[in-house]
N, C-alpha and C. Protein backbone atom coordinates (compact mmCIF):
# COMPACT_ATOMS: atom_id res chain seq x y z
N MET A 1 -32.57 -95.91 -99.52
CA MET A 1 -31.26 -95.20 -99.14
C MET A 1 -31.68 -93.74 -99.11
N THR A 2 -31.17 -93.16 -97.77
CA THR A 2 -31.79 -91.65 -97.70
C THR A 2 -30.63 -90.91 -98.25
N GLU A 3 -31.06 -89.89 -99.17
CA GLU A 3 -30.20 -89.10 -99.74
C GLU A 3 -29.73 -87.86 -98.96
N GLU A 4 -28.75 -87.35 -98.86
CA GLU A 4 -28.30 -86.17 -98.01
C GLU A 4 -28.36 -85.05 -98.90
N THR A 5 -28.94 -83.98 -98.39
CA THR A 5 -29.10 -82.76 -99.34
C THR A 5 -27.75 -82.03 -99.20
N PRO A 6 -27.33 -81.66 -100.37
CA PRO A 6 -26.13 -81.04 -100.59
C PRO A 6 -25.97 -79.75 -99.90
N GLY A 7 -24.79 -79.49 -99.32
CA GLY A 7 -24.58 -78.11 -98.75
C GLY A 7 -25.09 -78.00 -97.15
N PHE A 8 -25.75 -79.03 -96.75
CA PHE A 8 -26.14 -79.10 -95.29
C PHE A 8 -25.55 -80.25 -94.69
N GLU A 9 -24.73 -80.01 -93.72
CA GLU A 9 -24.16 -81.12 -92.83
C GLU A 9 -24.44 -81.21 -91.52
N GLU A 10 -24.69 -82.15 -90.93
CA GLU A 10 -25.20 -82.31 -89.55
C GLU A 10 -24.14 -81.67 -88.49
N GLN A 11 -24.52 -80.68 -87.80
CA GLN A 11 -23.49 -79.96 -86.87
C GLN A 11 -23.58 -80.68 -85.58
N PRO A 12 -22.58 -80.79 -84.91
CA PRO A 12 -22.68 -81.11 -83.48
C PRO A 12 -23.47 -80.24 -82.70
N ASP A 13 -23.81 -80.82 -81.39
CA ASP A 13 -24.43 -80.01 -80.48
C ASP A 13 -23.41 -79.10 -79.70
N VAL A 14 -23.82 -77.78 -79.78
CA VAL A 14 -22.98 -76.67 -79.33
C VAL A 14 -23.43 -76.21 -77.88
N PRO A 15 -22.61 -76.12 -76.85
CA PRO A 15 -23.03 -75.72 -75.55
C PRO A 15 -23.36 -74.25 -75.58
N PRO A 16 -24.43 -73.84 -74.61
CA PRO A 16 -25.01 -72.47 -74.99
C PRO A 16 -23.77 -71.37 -74.52
N GLU A 17 -22.67 -71.82 -73.96
CA GLU A 17 -21.60 -70.72 -73.85
C GLU A 17 -21.04 -70.58 -74.86
N ALA A 18 -20.81 -71.64 -75.82
CA ALA A 18 -20.01 -71.39 -77.16
C ALA A 18 -20.82 -70.71 -78.01
N ALA A 19 -21.98 -70.61 -77.80
CA ALA A 19 -22.90 -69.81 -78.79
C ALA A 19 -23.11 -68.33 -78.68
N GLN A 20 -22.29 -67.87 -77.90
CA GLN A 20 -22.31 -66.45 -77.66
C GLN A 20 -21.76 -65.49 -78.89
N THR A 21 -22.39 -64.53 -79.02
CA THR A 21 -21.73 -63.70 -80.27
C THR A 21 -20.55 -62.92 -79.75
N PRO A 22 -19.79 -62.25 -80.70
CA PRO A 22 -18.46 -61.37 -80.29
C PRO A 22 -18.95 -60.39 -79.15
N ASP A 23 -19.95 -59.67 -79.38
CA ASP A 23 -20.23 -58.69 -78.53
C ASP A 23 -20.45 -59.19 -77.08
N ASP A 24 -21.08 -60.41 -77.08
CA ASP A 24 -21.58 -61.23 -75.71
C ASP A 24 -19.97 -61.46 -75.20
N ALA A 25 -19.01 -61.91 -75.93
CA ALA A 25 -17.82 -62.32 -75.40
C ALA A 25 -17.21 -61.20 -74.71
N ALA A 26 -17.21 -59.91 -75.54
CA ALA A 26 -16.46 -58.80 -74.94
C ALA A 26 -17.06 -58.34 -73.74
N LYS A 27 -18.29 -58.20 -73.51
CA LYS A 27 -18.94 -57.97 -72.34
C LYS A 27 -18.55 -58.89 -71.04
N GLY A 28 -18.59 -60.07 -71.41
CA GLY A 28 -18.14 -61.09 -70.43
C GLY A 28 -16.79 -60.90 -69.94
N ALA A 29 -15.67 -60.53 -71.08
CA ALA A 29 -14.44 -60.19 -70.61
C ALA A 29 -14.38 -59.14 -69.58
N GLY A 30 -15.24 -57.98 -69.94
CA GLY A 30 -15.00 -56.72 -69.19
C GLY A 30 -15.62 -57.07 -67.72
N SER A 31 -16.53 -57.94 -67.51
CA SER A 31 -17.15 -58.23 -66.35
C SER A 31 -16.14 -59.11 -65.48
N ALA A 32 -15.46 -59.87 -66.16
CA ALA A 32 -14.45 -60.62 -65.51
C ALA A 32 -13.33 -59.95 -65.11
N ASP A 33 -12.87 -58.73 -65.74
CA ASP A 33 -11.85 -57.93 -65.35
C ASP A 33 -12.15 -57.16 -63.91
N LYS A 34 -13.43 -56.66 -64.18
CA LYS A 34 -13.88 -56.00 -62.87
C LYS A 34 -14.05 -56.67 -61.65
N ALA A 35 -14.34 -57.98 -61.76
CA ALA A 35 -14.61 -58.69 -60.76
C ALA A 35 -13.37 -59.55 -60.16
N GLY A 36 -12.47 -59.81 -61.07
CA GLY A 36 -11.34 -60.67 -60.65
C GLY A 36 -10.00 -59.96 -60.69
N PRO A 37 -9.05 -59.75 -61.69
CA PRO A 37 -7.81 -59.21 -61.48
C PRO A 37 -8.00 -57.62 -61.34
N GLY A 38 -9.13 -57.04 -61.64
CA GLY A 38 -9.05 -55.50 -61.63
C GLY A 38 -9.11 -54.94 -60.07
N ALA A 39 -9.61 -55.75 -59.11
CA ALA A 39 -9.72 -55.45 -57.71
C ALA A 39 -8.41 -55.18 -56.99
N PRO A 40 -7.51 -56.15 -57.09
CA PRO A 40 -6.36 -55.90 -56.53
C PRO A 40 -5.48 -54.58 -57.10
N ALA A 41 -5.50 -54.38 -58.38
CA ALA A 41 -5.01 -53.17 -58.95
C ALA A 41 -5.68 -51.90 -58.60
N GLY A 42 -6.75 -51.77 -58.31
CA GLY A 42 -7.31 -50.55 -57.76
C GLY A 42 -6.85 -50.47 -56.38
N ASP A 43 -6.78 -51.31 -55.48
CA ASP A 43 -6.18 -51.20 -54.08
C ASP A 43 -4.84 -50.63 -54.13
N LEU A 44 -3.94 -51.18 -55.13
CA LEU A 44 -2.62 -50.74 -55.18
C LEU A 44 -2.60 -49.27 -55.48
N GLU A 45 -3.51 -48.82 -56.39
CA GLU A 45 -3.41 -47.42 -56.93
C GLU A 45 -3.92 -46.49 -55.70
N GLN A 46 -4.88 -47.06 -54.89
CA GLN A 46 -5.36 -46.28 -53.71
C GLN A 46 -4.34 -45.95 -52.78
N VAL A 47 -3.39 -47.18 -52.35
CA VAL A 47 -2.33 -47.03 -51.53
C VAL A 47 -1.14 -46.27 -52.14
N ALA A 48 -1.04 -45.99 -53.52
CA ALA A 48 0.03 -45.21 -53.88
C ALA A 48 -0.50 -43.78 -53.87
N ILE A 49 -1.80 -43.64 -53.92
CA ILE A 49 -2.21 -42.06 -53.81
C ILE A 49 -2.33 -41.70 -52.49
N GLN A 50 -2.43 -42.56 -51.47
CA GLN A 50 -2.30 -42.25 -49.93
C GLN A 50 -0.84 -41.90 -49.58
N ALA A 51 0.05 -42.70 -50.19
CA ALA A 51 1.32 -42.31 -49.86
C ALA A 51 1.81 -41.02 -50.42
N GLN A 52 1.32 -40.76 -51.65
CA GLN A 52 1.73 -39.29 -52.05
C GLN A 52 1.06 -38.18 -51.36
N LEU A 53 -0.05 -38.53 -50.90
CA LEU A 53 -0.94 -37.48 -50.06
C LEU A 53 0.09 -37.36 -48.73
N ASP A 54 0.41 -38.47 -48.08
CA ASP A 54 1.38 -38.42 -46.92
C ASP A 54 2.56 -37.47 -47.09
N GLN A 55 3.16 -37.89 -48.39
CA GLN A 55 4.50 -37.08 -48.63
C GLN A 55 4.05 -35.49 -48.77
N VAL A 56 3.04 -35.23 -49.39
CA VAL A 56 2.69 -33.80 -49.64
C VAL A 56 2.32 -33.13 -48.16
N ARG A 57 1.65 -33.70 -47.22
CA ARG A 57 1.22 -33.29 -45.91
C ARG A 57 2.70 -33.02 -45.30
N THR A 58 3.66 -34.02 -45.39
CA THR A 58 4.67 -33.78 -44.66
C THR A 58 5.79 -32.72 -45.12
N ALA A 59 5.65 -32.45 -46.42
CA ALA A 59 6.42 -31.47 -46.99
C ALA A 59 5.75 -30.13 -46.56
N LEU A 60 4.37 -30.01 -46.74
CA LEU A 60 3.72 -28.92 -46.18
C LEU A 60 3.84 -28.44 -44.82
N ASN A 61 3.99 -29.57 -43.93
CA ASN A 61 4.24 -29.29 -42.52
C ASN A 61 5.66 -28.60 -42.41
N GLU A 62 6.57 -29.05 -43.11
CA GLU A 62 8.12 -28.65 -42.96
C GLU A 62 8.03 -27.29 -43.56
N ARG A 63 7.43 -26.91 -44.66
CA ARG A 63 7.48 -25.51 -45.15
C ARG A 63 6.88 -24.53 -44.21
N THR A 64 5.76 -25.09 -43.71
CA THR A 64 5.05 -24.31 -42.52
C THR A 64 5.84 -23.91 -41.39
N ALA A 65 6.66 -24.89 -41.00
CA ALA A 65 7.45 -24.67 -39.85
C ALA A 65 8.88 -23.61 -40.27
N ASP A 66 9.29 -23.97 -41.38
CA ASP A 66 10.15 -23.07 -41.92
C ASP A 66 9.57 -21.45 -42.12
N LEU A 67 8.31 -21.49 -42.53
CA LEU A 67 7.87 -20.08 -42.58
C LEU A 67 7.72 -19.40 -41.28
N GLN A 68 7.14 -20.19 -40.21
CA GLN A 68 7.10 -19.70 -38.94
C GLN A 68 8.26 -19.35 -38.32
N ARG A 69 9.25 -20.02 -38.51
CA ARG A 69 10.72 -19.62 -38.03
C ARG A 69 11.29 -18.59 -38.59
N LEU A 70 11.14 -18.37 -40.00
CA LEU A 70 11.56 -17.17 -40.71
C LEU A 70 10.79 -15.70 -40.16
N GLN A 71 9.37 -16.06 -39.90
CA GLN A 71 8.70 -14.96 -39.40
C GLN A 71 9.22 -14.55 -38.02
N ALA A 72 9.49 -15.52 -37.10
CA ALA A 72 9.90 -15.12 -35.81
C ALA A 72 11.26 -14.37 -35.89
N GLU A 73 12.13 -15.08 -36.79
CA GLU A 73 13.46 -14.42 -36.86
C GLU A 73 13.24 -12.92 -37.39
N TYR A 74 12.30 -12.66 -38.30
CA TYR A 74 12.09 -11.35 -38.84
C TYR A 74 11.50 -10.59 -37.74
N GLN A 75 10.74 -10.97 -36.84
CA GLN A 75 10.17 -10.05 -35.86
C GLN A 75 11.21 -9.68 -34.73
N ASN A 76 12.07 -10.71 -34.48
CA ASN A 76 13.37 -10.44 -33.59
C ASN A 76 14.26 -9.37 -34.14
N TYR A 77 14.38 -9.37 -35.59
CA TYR A 77 15.34 -8.54 -36.20
C TYR A 77 14.66 -7.11 -36.05
N ARG A 78 13.34 -6.89 -36.37
CA ARG A 78 12.69 -5.55 -36.38
C ARG A 78 12.89 -5.08 -35.00
N ARG A 79 12.58 -5.92 -33.87
CA ARG A 79 12.90 -5.43 -32.69
C ARG A 79 14.28 -4.88 -32.27
N ARG A 80 15.25 -5.57 -32.70
CA ARG A 80 16.60 -5.27 -32.45
C ARG A 80 16.95 -3.77 -33.34
N VAL A 81 16.43 -3.85 -34.55
CA VAL A 81 16.66 -2.67 -35.24
C VAL A 81 15.99 -1.47 -34.65
N GLU A 82 14.72 -1.70 -34.10
CA GLU A 82 14.17 -0.47 -33.43
C GLU A 82 14.81 -0.25 -32.28
N ARG A 83 15.20 -1.18 -31.35
CA ARG A 83 16.09 -0.92 -30.27
C ARG A 83 17.33 -0.14 -30.46
N ASP A 84 17.94 -0.68 -31.38
CA ASP A 84 19.25 0.13 -31.87
C ASP A 84 18.93 1.45 -32.37
N ARG A 85 17.99 1.67 -33.02
CA ARG A 85 17.62 3.07 -33.57
C ARG A 85 17.28 3.94 -32.42
N VAL A 86 16.59 3.47 -31.49
CA VAL A 86 16.31 4.41 -30.16
C VAL A 86 17.58 4.75 -29.58
N GLN A 87 18.38 3.72 -29.26
CA GLN A 87 19.76 4.01 -28.60
C GLN A 87 20.61 4.98 -29.45
N VAL A 88 20.51 4.77 -30.70
CA VAL A 88 21.53 5.53 -31.36
C VAL A 88 20.95 6.99 -31.29
N LYS A 89 19.59 7.18 -31.54
CA LYS A 89 19.04 8.67 -31.30
C LYS A 89 19.40 9.08 -29.80
N GLU A 90 19.29 8.47 -28.86
CA GLU A 90 19.39 8.94 -27.49
C GLU A 90 20.86 9.33 -27.40
N VAL A 91 21.78 8.40 -28.01
CA VAL A 91 23.31 8.79 -27.83
C VAL A 91 23.61 10.27 -28.61
N ALA A 92 22.98 10.27 -29.80
CA ALA A 92 23.18 11.48 -30.51
C ALA A 92 22.53 12.74 -29.88
N VAL A 93 21.37 12.74 -29.28
CA VAL A 93 20.82 13.78 -28.59
C VAL A 93 21.84 14.13 -27.43
N ALA A 94 22.07 12.89 -26.67
CA ALA A 94 22.89 13.39 -25.39
C ALA A 94 24.24 13.98 -25.95
N ASN A 95 24.86 13.60 -26.87
CA ASN A 95 26.24 14.36 -27.37
C ASN A 95 25.98 15.70 -27.68
N LEU A 96 24.79 15.88 -28.36
CA LEU A 96 24.46 17.35 -28.78
C LEU A 96 24.22 18.24 -27.52
N LEU A 97 23.32 17.67 -26.64
CA LEU A 97 23.26 18.57 -25.45
C LEU A 97 24.33 18.60 -24.62
N SER A 98 25.08 17.59 -24.53
CA SER A 98 26.64 17.76 -23.74
C SER A 98 27.30 18.97 -24.36
N GLU A 99 27.30 19.17 -25.56
CA GLU A 99 27.97 20.42 -26.13
C GLU A 99 27.62 21.68 -25.80
N LEU A 100 26.10 21.64 -25.33
CA LEU A 100 25.38 22.90 -24.99
C LEU A 100 25.53 23.24 -23.56
N LEU A 101 25.84 22.07 -22.63
CA LEU A 101 25.91 22.50 -21.21
C LEU A 101 26.67 23.58 -20.88
N PRO A 102 27.85 24.14 -21.38
CA PRO A 102 28.62 25.18 -21.04
C PRO A 102 27.81 26.50 -21.24
N VAL A 103 26.93 26.39 -22.46
CA VAL A 103 26.07 27.66 -22.72
C VAL A 103 25.05 27.65 -21.59
N LEU A 104 24.29 26.60 -21.36
CA LEU A 104 23.42 26.58 -20.19
C LEU A 104 23.85 27.27 -19.06
N ASP A 105 25.30 26.74 -18.82
CA ASP A 105 25.87 27.28 -17.44
C ASP A 105 26.01 28.65 -17.41
N ASP A 106 26.47 29.23 -18.60
CA ASP A 106 26.49 30.72 -18.81
C ASP A 106 25.11 31.35 -18.60
N ILE A 107 24.16 30.65 -19.14
CA ILE A 107 22.93 31.36 -18.98
C ILE A 107 22.41 31.26 -17.46
N GLY A 108 22.59 30.32 -16.76
CA GLY A 108 22.26 30.24 -15.38
C GLY A 108 23.01 31.17 -14.64
N ARG A 109 24.21 31.40 -14.82
CA ARG A 109 25.08 32.27 -14.01
C ARG A 109 24.48 33.93 -14.43
N ALA A 110 24.31 34.11 -15.66
CA ALA A 110 23.75 35.39 -15.99
C ALA A 110 22.48 35.79 -15.29
N ARG A 111 21.62 34.61 -15.20
CA ARG A 111 20.26 34.67 -14.45
C ARG A 111 20.61 35.07 -12.95
N GLU A 112 21.50 34.43 -12.40
CA GLU A 112 21.89 34.62 -11.03
C GLU A 112 22.28 36.17 -10.77
N HIS A 113 22.95 36.61 -11.72
CA HIS A 113 23.56 38.04 -11.47
C HIS A 113 22.76 39.12 -12.15
N GLY A 114 21.45 38.72 -12.46
CA GLY A 114 20.37 39.69 -12.95
C GLY A 114 20.95 40.23 -14.44
N GLU A 115 21.79 39.34 -15.13
CA GLU A 115 22.07 40.14 -16.46
C GLU A 115 21.39 39.48 -17.69
N LEU A 116 20.25 38.70 -17.46
CA LEU A 116 19.58 38.00 -18.26
C LEU A 116 18.46 38.76 -18.82
N VAL A 117 18.67 39.72 -19.43
CA VAL A 117 17.69 40.85 -19.82
C VAL A 117 17.57 41.03 -21.32
N GLY A 118 16.67 41.68 -21.93
CA GLY A 118 16.48 42.07 -23.24
C GLY A 118 16.49 40.84 -24.31
N GLY A 119 17.18 41.14 -25.50
CA GLY A 119 17.16 40.05 -26.45
C GLY A 119 17.84 38.60 -26.15
N PHE A 120 18.92 38.97 -25.13
CA PHE A 120 19.60 37.72 -24.73
C PHE A 120 18.71 37.05 -23.85
N LYS A 121 17.80 37.41 -23.10
CA LYS A 121 16.86 36.73 -22.24
C LYS A 121 16.05 35.87 -22.94
N SER A 122 15.34 36.42 -24.13
CA SER A 122 14.60 35.85 -25.21
C SER A 122 15.32 34.47 -25.71
N VAL A 123 16.66 34.90 -26.21
CA VAL A 123 17.42 33.75 -26.81
C VAL A 123 17.52 32.53 -25.90
N ALA A 124 17.85 32.97 -24.69
CA ALA A 124 18.29 31.98 -23.68
C ALA A 124 17.34 31.12 -23.23
N GLU A 125 15.98 31.76 -23.14
CA GLU A 125 14.77 31.09 -22.74
C GLU A 125 14.39 30.05 -23.80
N SER A 126 14.54 30.55 -25.17
CA SER A 126 14.30 29.59 -26.40
C SER A 126 15.18 28.38 -26.41
N LEU A 127 16.52 28.43 -26.07
CA LEU A 127 17.33 27.61 -26.00
C LEU A 127 16.93 26.62 -24.95
N GLU A 128 16.75 26.96 -23.85
CA GLU A 128 16.24 26.06 -22.70
C GLU A 128 15.07 25.46 -23.21
N THR A 129 14.17 26.07 -23.79
CA THR A 129 12.76 25.42 -24.05
C THR A 129 13.27 24.29 -24.99
N VAL A 130 14.01 24.55 -26.14
CA VAL A 130 14.29 23.31 -26.98
C VAL A 130 14.92 22.42 -26.31
N ALA A 131 15.96 22.69 -25.57
CA ALA A 131 16.84 21.43 -24.73
C ALA A 131 15.67 20.67 -23.94
N ALA A 132 14.54 21.27 -23.29
CA ALA A 132 13.75 20.57 -22.45
C ALA A 132 12.99 19.74 -23.50
N LYS A 133 12.56 20.23 -24.53
CA LYS A 133 11.83 19.39 -25.55
C LYS A 133 12.54 18.22 -25.77
N LEU A 134 14.02 18.16 -26.08
CA LEU A 134 14.64 17.22 -26.42
C LEU A 134 14.93 16.12 -25.21
N GLY A 135 14.38 16.63 -24.12
CA GLY A 135 14.35 15.53 -22.87
C GLY A 135 15.43 15.71 -21.75
N LEU A 136 16.01 17.08 -21.95
CA LEU A 136 17.11 17.31 -21.05
C LEU A 136 16.26 17.80 -19.72
N GLN A 137 16.85 17.50 -18.58
CA GLN A 137 16.38 17.64 -17.35
C GLN A 137 17.38 18.03 -16.36
N GLN A 138 17.24 19.09 -15.72
CA GLN A 138 18.18 19.57 -14.67
C GLN A 138 17.88 19.06 -13.20
N PHE A 139 18.95 18.88 -12.44
CA PHE A 139 18.77 18.26 -11.18
C PHE A 139 19.75 18.83 -10.33
N GLY A 140 19.53 18.75 -9.01
CA GLY A 140 20.58 19.23 -8.00
C GLY A 140 20.03 20.46 -7.10
N LYS A 141 19.82 20.08 -5.91
CA LYS A 141 19.31 21.20 -4.99
C LYS A 141 19.95 21.20 -3.58
N GLU A 142 20.11 22.34 -3.00
CA GLU A 142 20.71 22.56 -1.74
C GLU A 142 19.84 21.85 -0.76
N GLY A 143 20.65 21.18 0.13
CA GLY A 143 19.82 20.49 1.08
C GLY A 143 19.51 19.10 0.96
N GLU A 144 19.62 18.46 -0.17
CA GLU A 144 19.47 17.00 -0.63
C GLU A 144 20.57 16.22 -0.07
N SER A 145 20.30 14.91 0.23
CA SER A 145 21.30 14.11 0.59
C SER A 145 22.31 13.75 -0.51
N PHE A 146 23.65 13.70 -0.28
CA PHE A 146 24.72 13.46 -1.26
C PHE A 146 24.49 11.95 -1.81
N ASP A 147 24.45 11.93 -3.07
CA ASP A 147 24.44 10.62 -3.73
C ASP A 147 25.55 10.59 -4.61
N PRO A 148 26.38 9.64 -4.43
CA PRO A 148 27.77 9.68 -5.38
C PRO A 148 27.58 9.15 -6.90
N LEU A 149 26.16 8.69 -6.96
CA LEU A 149 25.86 8.22 -8.31
C LEU A 149 25.53 9.53 -9.21
N VAL A 150 24.74 10.44 -8.54
CA VAL A 150 24.45 11.64 -9.38
C VAL A 150 25.17 12.89 -8.93
N HIS A 151 25.79 12.91 -8.10
CA HIS A 151 26.57 14.22 -7.50
C HIS A 151 28.04 14.02 -7.54
N GLU A 152 28.81 15.10 -7.71
CA GLU A 152 30.19 15.01 -7.70
C GLU A 152 30.60 16.08 -6.70
N ALA A 153 31.33 15.63 -5.51
CA ALA A 153 31.64 16.67 -4.60
C ALA A 153 32.84 17.33 -4.90
N LEU A 154 33.03 18.60 -4.95
CA LEU A 154 34.01 19.44 -5.39
C LEU A 154 34.57 20.23 -4.02
N MET A 155 33.63 20.36 -3.20
CA MET A 155 34.08 21.01 -1.71
C MET A 155 33.63 20.11 -0.65
N HIS A 156 34.47 20.23 0.48
CA HIS A 156 33.99 19.38 1.55
C HIS A 156 34.03 20.22 2.85
N SER A 157 33.28 19.98 3.81
CA SER A 157 33.32 20.76 5.06
C SER A 157 32.40 20.13 6.13
N TYR A 158 32.71 20.58 7.49
CA TYR A 158 31.93 19.81 8.48
C TYR A 158 30.76 20.84 8.96
N ALA A 159 29.76 20.39 9.42
CA ALA A 159 28.69 21.21 9.80
C ALA A 159 27.96 20.68 11.02
N PRO A 160 27.66 21.44 12.03
CA PRO A 160 26.97 20.94 13.33
C PRO A 160 25.58 20.66 13.14
N ASP A 161 24.87 21.27 12.07
CA ASP A 161 23.56 21.09 11.88
C ASP A 161 22.98 20.19 10.76
N VAL A 162 23.95 19.14 10.50
CA VAL A 162 23.63 18.25 9.45
C VAL A 162 23.84 16.78 10.15
N THR A 163 22.90 15.88 9.77
CA THR A 163 23.14 14.52 10.34
C THR A 163 23.55 13.48 9.33
N GLU A 164 23.75 13.77 8.17
CA GLU A 164 24.32 13.09 7.07
C GLU A 164 25.07 13.88 6.06
N THR A 165 25.77 13.37 5.16
CA THR A 165 26.48 14.00 4.14
C THR A 165 25.44 14.74 3.18
N THR A 166 25.62 15.96 3.22
CA THR A 166 24.33 16.84 2.68
C THR A 166 24.94 17.78 1.71
N CYS A 167 24.34 18.02 0.43
CA CYS A 167 24.75 19.09 -0.37
C CYS A 167 24.40 20.36 0.01
N VAL A 168 25.19 21.32 0.31
CA VAL A 168 25.05 22.45 0.84
C VAL A 168 25.13 23.75 -0.11
N GLN A 169 25.68 23.46 -1.33
CA GLN A 169 25.84 24.37 -2.21
C GLN A 169 25.90 23.66 -3.74
N ILE A 170 25.22 24.18 -4.54
CA ILE A 170 25.16 23.64 -6.01
C ILE A 170 26.12 24.42 -6.76
N LEU A 171 27.30 24.09 -7.17
CA LEU A 171 28.17 24.63 -7.90
C LEU A 171 27.81 24.56 -9.48
N GLN A 172 27.51 23.43 -10.09
CA GLN A 172 27.04 23.39 -11.23
C GLN A 172 25.90 22.39 -11.18
N PRO A 173 24.74 22.60 -11.87
CA PRO A 173 23.51 21.65 -11.90
C PRO A 173 23.96 20.40 -12.64
N GLY A 174 23.19 19.45 -12.45
CA GLY A 174 23.56 18.09 -13.02
C GLY A 174 22.30 18.12 -14.22
N TYR A 175 22.52 17.31 -15.17
CA TYR A 175 21.50 17.21 -16.30
C TYR A 175 21.55 15.65 -16.52
N ARG A 176 20.17 15.37 -16.88
CA ARG A 176 20.01 13.92 -17.60
C ARG A 176 18.95 14.00 -18.46
N ILE A 177 19.05 12.78 -19.32
CA ILE A 177 18.05 12.41 -20.29
C ILE A 177 17.33 11.31 -20.00
N GLY A 178 16.20 11.33 -19.59
CA GLY A 178 15.48 10.01 -19.04
C GLY A 178 16.15 9.43 -17.79
N GLU A 179 16.67 8.30 -18.05
CA GLU A 179 17.46 7.68 -16.86
C GLU A 179 18.99 7.71 -17.17
N ARG A 180 19.28 8.33 -18.26
CA ARG A 180 20.65 8.64 -18.53
C ARG A 180 21.37 9.95 -17.87
N THR A 181 22.29 9.87 -17.10
CA THR A 181 23.04 11.03 -16.64
C THR A 181 23.98 11.48 -17.48
N ILE A 182 24.02 12.71 -17.86
CA ILE A 182 25.10 13.18 -18.97
C ILE A 182 26.09 14.14 -18.35
N ARG A 183 25.70 14.49 -17.12
CA ARG A 183 26.66 15.28 -16.23
C ARG A 183 26.22 15.24 -14.70
N PRO A 184 27.01 14.78 -13.82
CA PRO A 184 26.51 14.82 -12.44
C PRO A 184 26.33 16.25 -11.85
N ALA A 185 25.78 16.59 -10.88
CA ALA A 185 25.56 17.79 -10.33
C ALA A 185 26.97 17.91 -9.54
N ARG A 186 27.69 18.98 -9.65
CA ARG A 186 28.79 19.41 -8.85
C ARG A 186 28.51 20.30 -7.69
N VAL A 187 28.81 19.70 -6.59
CA VAL A 187 28.27 20.39 -5.27
C VAL A 187 29.38 20.31 -4.37
N ALA A 188 29.11 21.20 -3.24
CA ALA A 188 29.86 21.24 -1.97
C ALA A 188 29.07 20.53 -1.01
N VAL A 189 29.80 19.72 -0.43
CA VAL A 189 28.98 18.85 0.76
C VAL A 189 29.50 19.24 2.09
N ALA A 190 28.78 18.98 3.17
CA ALA A 190 28.96 19.11 4.46
C ALA A 190 28.68 17.65 5.25
N GLU A 191 29.56 17.32 6.22
CA GLU A 191 29.37 16.11 6.90
C GLU A 191 29.13 16.64 8.33
N PRO A 192 28.60 15.73 9.29
CA PRO A 192 28.51 16.14 10.65
C PRO A 192 29.85 16.13 11.32
N GLN A 193 29.86 16.84 12.30
CA GLN A 193 31.17 17.03 13.15
C GLN A 193 31.54 15.79 13.66
N PRO A 194 32.82 15.45 13.52
CA PRO A 194 33.41 14.25 13.94
C PRO A 194 33.07 14.11 15.42
N GLY A 195 32.78 13.19 15.99
CA GLY A 195 32.38 12.86 17.47
C GLY A 195 31.16 13.51 17.88
N ALA A 196 30.61 14.36 17.10
CA ALA A 196 29.27 15.12 17.60
C ALA A 196 28.22 14.14 18.05
N SER A 197 27.58 14.45 19.06
CA SER A 197 26.37 13.60 19.31
C SER A 197 25.19 14.57 19.59
N PRO A 198 24.08 13.83 19.41
CA PRO A 198 22.66 14.74 19.56
C PRO A 198 22.71 15.27 20.97
N LYS A 199 22.32 16.63 21.07
CA LYS A 199 22.45 17.12 22.29
C LYS A 199 21.12 16.82 23.14
N GLY A 200 21.38 16.58 24.48
CA GLY A 200 20.38 16.07 25.29
C GLY A 200 19.66 17.33 26.02
N PRO A 201 18.73 17.21 26.84
CA PRO A 201 18.12 18.20 27.53
C PRO A 201 19.14 18.90 28.55
N GLY A 202 19.24 20.31 28.40
CA GLY A 202 19.99 20.86 29.37
C GLY A 202 21.34 21.17 28.82
N GLU A 203 21.72 20.68 27.67
CA GLU A 203 23.11 20.79 27.04
C GLU A 203 23.34 21.90 26.28
N GLY A 204 24.35 22.76 26.47
CA GLY A 204 24.55 24.00 25.59
C GLY A 204 23.76 24.97 26.06
N ASP A 205 22.86 25.06 27.23
CA ASP A 205 22.18 26.38 27.55
C ASP A 205 22.69 26.81 28.93
N GLY A 206 23.85 26.24 29.41
CA GLY A 206 24.37 26.80 30.90
C GLY A 206 23.75 26.29 31.87
N THR A 207 22.82 25.27 31.65
CA THR A 207 22.25 24.74 32.90
C THR A 207 22.73 23.25 33.18
N ALA A 208 22.62 22.74 34.40
CA ALA A 208 23.15 21.43 34.56
C ALA A 208 21.92 20.68 35.13
N PRO A 209 21.90 19.47 34.88
CA PRO A 209 20.71 18.66 35.48
C PRO A 209 20.88 18.69 37.02
N ASP A 210 19.47 18.53 37.60
CA ASP A 210 19.50 18.50 39.06
C ASP A 210 20.46 17.36 39.71
N GLU A 211 20.87 17.65 40.79
CA GLU A 211 21.61 16.84 41.60
C GLU A 211 21.16 16.46 42.81
N GLU A 212 21.12 15.18 43.21
CA GLU A 212 20.46 14.76 44.39
C GLU A 212 21.28 15.24 45.64
N SER A 213 20.58 15.99 46.51
CA SER A 213 21.52 16.39 47.67
C SER A 213 20.51 16.39 48.78
N GLY A 214 21.28 16.12 49.94
CA GLY A 214 20.57 15.90 51.13
C GLY A 214 20.37 17.30 51.85
N GLY A 215 19.60 17.46 52.92
CA GLY A 215 19.67 18.82 53.59
C GLY A 215 20.90 18.93 54.58
N PRO A 216 21.06 19.98 55.11
CA PRO A 216 22.10 20.14 56.13
C PRO A 216 21.93 19.03 57.24
N GLU A 217 23.14 18.67 57.76
CA GLU A 217 23.01 17.58 58.79
C GLU A 217 22.77 18.38 59.97
N GLU A 218 21.89 17.84 60.78
CA GLU A 218 21.70 18.61 62.14
C GLU A 218 22.50 17.95 63.14
N GLY A 219 23.28 18.86 63.84
CA GLY A 219 24.16 18.56 64.86
C GLY A 219 23.33 18.09 66.25
């Protein structure tokens, strides 16, 4: 009869897979996670990141459009402010020079009468120089055609030597600043004589045009 050794029992056959150590089991589990259930989770995470990027791009585009719109509005505002500033300056200068026009008229009359002499002449010329630097321009000359936009007719007459309404005397010169007329030229105008027509050859010199006449009839 065979005696069995105490402490040793016959173990059943164990398959190789069951004979793995705990470390081998952990490595196998990690490999299974990467190959199996881990792949779909990674795809979902990538989709979520892509969605977040799309949202960030959309928000960035909206903020960029807002910034561009604000910049355009600011540029328009600056242009309006600059235009208004120039207009206010022109109006202020025009109002100031309008108050000086009577003084300039007095200076002009004194010059015509030969009274612009001495210290008064120096002061007058300095004032005219300053007015010119501010953009004041004088206009209105005898012999130019009458323009109701820049001339104001104070006297009217007829003249045989004009072919259209003409300024024959400047009573007060006109003044402008740039394209803005601050006072029209006050003038005396002359118009052609009513019913007058251009003179033809032989008219007004006492001669008459030749008339056809035959010789004396022979009897």
